[in-house]
Amino acid sequence: MASVELILLQRVDKLGQMGEVVKVKPGFARNFLLPQKKAIRANKDNLAKFEQQRAQLEAQNLKRREEAERVAERVGGLSVVIIRQAGESGSLYGSVSSRDIAEASTAAGLTINRQQVILEQPIKTLGLTDVRVVLHPEVAITVTVNVARSPEEAAKQARGERVTAVEERQEDILRAEDLFEEQTEQPA
């Protein structure tokens, strides 16, 4: 399959920097880069137009990056709580998606959309999870997502306490084993 040559209008992860001419598959260009205005087709007219506007585009990019860095400093260490139903073992009935994280972040004061949330895999268990949020192609922050069954449980998790029944039972068993060993070690 033939590839398409494009001029990048902004930095794209794993592809290149602004101003680079790159070759990509037609579907990636047609469905992602061109509609989101991250690139333009590489032909003589567009190359000339890009070179004329290069200074202006770099200035706009720098301004957006500085704004993103200020936001990152302001909301650094953001933690959001998401309440979900879960079983005793701590596995959720469903999962937490990037849309849920974006909505919770917006409610907490950081306005983002779901495309900015980078989830390696859906969150399917209770607990604390660090999620990467891309504010600008060159600026990313980490948001801590606290998935719990209730606000009280979320507060316990934030303090580092265990909340699932299975974990509590395992701790009780370990304590009982320790007590039993202490009793058997003492001389009669």
Protein backbone atom coordinates (compact mmCIF):
# COMPACT_ATOMS: atom_id res chain seq x y z
CA MET A 1 0.00 0.00 0.00
CA ALA A 2 1.32 3.44 -0.90
CA SER A 3 2.10 5.93 1.81
CA VAL A 4 1.08 9.58 1.99
CA GLU A 5 3.54 12.43 2.59
CA LEU A 6 2.42 15.03 5.14
CA ILE A 7 3.87 18.13 6.81
CA LEU A 8 3.33 18.01 10.57
CA LEU A 9 1.76 21.17 12.02
CA GLN A 10 2.51 20.07 15.60
CA ARG A 11 4.50 17.42 17.41
CA VAL A 12 2.94 13.96 17.16
CA ASP A 13 4.12 11.18 19.51
CA LYS A 14 6.10 8.42 17.79
CA LEU A 15 5.92 10.26 14.46
CA GLY A 16 7.84 13.54 14.45
CA GLN A 17 8.22 17.23 15.29
CA MET A 18 6.44 20.24 13.83
CA GLY A 19 7.59 21.01 10.28
CA GLU A 20 8.85 17.52 9.46
CA VAL A 21 7.72 15.82 6.26
CA VAL A 22 6.67 12.30 7.17
CA LYS A 23 5.28 9.31 5.30
CA VAL A 24 2.26 7.63 6.87
CA LYS A 25 -0.41 5.17 5.81
CA PRO A 26 -3.38 6.73 3.99
CA GLY A 27 -5.90 5.73 6.68
CA PHE A 28 -3.88 7.37 9.47
CA ALA A 29 -3.64 10.56 7.42
CA ARG A 30 -7.28 10.57 6.30
CA ASN A 31 -8.85 9.56 9.64
CA PHE A 32 -6.62 11.21 12.23
CA LEU A 33 -3.91 13.67 11.17
CA LEU A 34 -5.79 15.68 8.54
CA PRO A 35 -9.20 16.03 10.28
CA GLN A 36 -7.57 17.07 13.57
CA LYS A 37 -5.41 19.64 11.76
CA LYS A 38 -2.19 18.02 12.98
CA ALA A 39 -0.80 17.85 9.44
CA ILE A 40 -1.30 19.00 5.86
CA ARG A 41 -0.50 17.21 2.62
CA ALA A 42 3.07 17.71 1.42
CA ASN A 43 2.99 19.37 -2.00
CA LYS A 44 4.81 22.40 -3.41
CA ASP A 45 2.04 24.87 -2.57
CA ASN A 46 1.62 23.62 1.00
CA LEU A 47 5.38 23.52 1.58
CA ALA A 48 5.67 27.16 0.46
CA LYS A 49 2.66 28.19 2.58
CA PHE A 50 4.06 26.35 5.61
CA GLU A 51 7.45 28.01 5.30
CA GLN A 52 5.76 31.45 5.18
CA GLN A 53 3.67 30.68 8.27
CA ARG A 54 6.34 28.68 10.12
CA ALA A 55 7.30 31.48 12.55
CA GLN A 56 3.66 32.20 13.35
CA LEU A 57 2.86 28.49 13.88
CA GLU A 58 5.90 28.04 16.12
CA ALA A 59 4.89 31.08 18.18
CA GLN A 60 1.33 29.73 18.57
CA ASN A 61 2.71 26.33 19.55
CA LEU A 62 5.04 27.90 22.11
CA LYS A 63 2.18 29.94 23.59
CA ARG A 64 -0.09 26.88 23.89
CA ARG A 65 2.78 24.90 25.45
CA GLU A 66 3.44 27.62 28.05
CA GLU A 67 -0.27 27.71 28.92
CA ALA A 68 -0.28 23.92 29.29
CA GLU A 69 2.81 24.08 31.54
CA ARG A 70 1.11 26.68 33.77
CA VAL A 71 -1.98 24.48 34.05
CA ALA A 72 0.24 21.47 34.82
CA GLU A 73 1.94 23.38 37.64
CA ARG A 74 -1.39 24.55 39.03
CA VAL A 75 -3.08 21.14 39.08
CA GLY A 76 -0.01 18.97 39.67
CA GLY A 77 -0.85 15.98 41.86
CA LEU A 78 -4.57 16.11 41.05
CA SER A 79 -6.55 13.22 42.50
CA VAL A 80 -10.10 12.37 41.42
CA VAL A 81 -12.58 10.00 43.06
CA ILE A 82 -14.84 7.79 40.97
CA ILE A 83 -17.59 5.84 42.74
CA ARG A 84 -18.49 2.46 41.21
CA GLN A 85 -20.20 -0.74 42.29
CA ALA A 86 -17.86 -3.65 42.92
CA GLY A 87 -17.80 -7.16 44.31
CA GLU A 88 -16.21 -8.25 47.58
CA SER A 89 -12.96 -9.11 45.79
CA GLY A 90 -12.64 -5.53 44.55
CA SER A 91 -13.41 -6.17 40.88
CA LEU A 92 -15.76 -3.66 39.31
CA TYR A 93 -19.06 -4.43 37.62
CA GLY A 94 -17.88 -2.80 34.41
CA SER A 95 -14.84 -0.57 34.08
CA VAL A 96 -13.66 3.02 34.39
CA SER A 97 -13.04 4.57 30.96
CA SER A 98 -11.21 7.65 29.78
CA ARG A 99 -14.56 9.45 29.51
CA ASP A 100 -15.25 8.84 33.23
CA ILE A 101 -11.81 10.17 34.16
CA ALA A 102 -12.25 13.25 31.95
CA GLU A 103 -15.64 14.03 33.54
CA ALA A 104 -14.26 13.59 37.08
CA SER A 105 -11.23 15.78 36.25
CA THR A 106 -13.49 18.48 34.83
CA ALA A 107 -15.56 18.40 38.02
CA ALA A 108 -12.32 18.71 40.04
CA GLY A 109 -11.27 21.84 38.12
CA LEU A 110 -9.15 20.52 35.21
CA THR A 111 -11.09 20.86 31.96
CA ILE A 112 -10.00 18.08 29.62
CA ASN A 113 -11.62 15.82 27.05
CA ARG A 114 -11.44 12.04 26.85
CA GLN A 115 -8.88 12.06 24.02
CA GLN A 116 -6.38 13.68 26.38
CA VAL A 117 -6.61 10.79 28.87
CA ILE A 118 -4.11 8.03 28.05
CA LEU A 119 -5.25 4.70 29.52
CA GLU A 120 -3.02 1.71 28.85
CA GLN A 121 -5.96 -0.54 29.76
CA PRO A 122 -9.39 0.02 31.32
CA ILE A 123 -9.51 0.22 35.11
CA LYS A 124 -11.43 -2.84 36.36
CA THR A 125 -10.56 -2.95 40.08
CA LEU A 126 -10.95 -0.76 43.14
CA GLY A 127 -7.94 1.22 44.25
CA LEU A 128 -5.59 4.00 43.23
CA THR A 129 -4.35 4.20 39.64
CA ASP A 130 -2.05 6.77 38.06
CA VAL A 131 -3.26 7.93 34.63
CA ARG A 132 -1.38 10.10 32.12
CA VAL A 133 -3.20 13.20 30.82
CA VAL A 134 -1.75 15.00 27.79
CA LEU A 135 -2.39 18.75 28.01
CA HIS A 136 -0.21 19.56 24.99
CA PRO A 137 1.85 17.29 22.71
CA GLU A 138 4.90 18.23 24.80
CA VAL A 139 3.25 18.51 28.26
CA ALA A 140 1.70 15.64 30.21
CA ILE A 141 0.66 15.28 33.85
CA THR A 142 -0.26 12.35 36.06
CA VAL A 143 -3.71 12.23 37.64
CA THR A 144 -4.41 9.79 40.46
CA VAL A 145 -7.74 8.03 39.99
CA ASN A 146 -9.26 6.69 43.21
CA VAL A 147 -11.93 4.10 42.35
CA ALA A 148 -14.08 3.19 45.34
CA ARG A 149 -17.56 1.97 46.30
CA SER A 150 -18.31 5.00 48.52
CA PRO A 151 -16.77 8.35 49.49
CA GLU A 152 -15.80 6.88 52.87
CA GLU A 153 -13.99 4.01 51.17
CA ALA A 154 -12.24 6.48 48.85
CA ALA A 155 -10.96 8.39 51.90
CA LYS A 156 -9.62 5.13 53.40
CA GLN A 157 -7.87 4.25 50.13
CA ALA A 158 -6.34 7.73 49.94
CA ARG A 159 -4.86 7.17 53.42
CA GLY A 160 -3.42 3.85 52.25
CA GLU A 161 -5.81 1.51 54.08
CA ARG A 162 -7.01 -1.71 52.48
CA VAL A 163 -10.73 -1.82 51.71
CA THR A 164 -11.63 -5.08 49.98
CA ALA A 165 -12.98 -7.93 52.06
CA VAL A 166 -10.49 -10.41 50.58
CA GLU A 167 -7.53 -8.26 51.64
CA GLU A 168 -9.02 -7.84 55.13
CA ARG A 169 -9.53 -11.61 55.46
CA GLN A 170 -5.94 -12.26 54.38
CA GLU A 171 -4.69 -9.80 57.00
CA ASP A 172 -6.87 -11.51 59.67
CA ILE A 173 -5.47 -14.92 58.70
CA LEU A 174 -1.89 -13.62 58.90
CA ARG A 175 -2.57 -12.08 62.33
CA ALA A 176 -4.11 -15.34 63.55
CA GLU A 177 -1.10 -17.33 62.28
CA ASP A 178 1.27 -14.93 64.07
CA LEU A 179 -0.68 -15.30 67.33
CA PHE A 180 -0.68 -19.09 66.99
CA GLU A 181 3.09 -19.13 66.40
CA GLU A 182 3.68 -16.89 69.44
CA GLN A 183 1.60 -19.21 71.66
CA THR A 184 3.39 -22.36 70.49
CA GLU A 185 6.84 -20.82 71.01
CA GLN A 186 6.24 -20.03 74.70
CA PRO A 187 7.35 -22.83 77.11
CA ALA A 188 4.61 -24.54 79.10
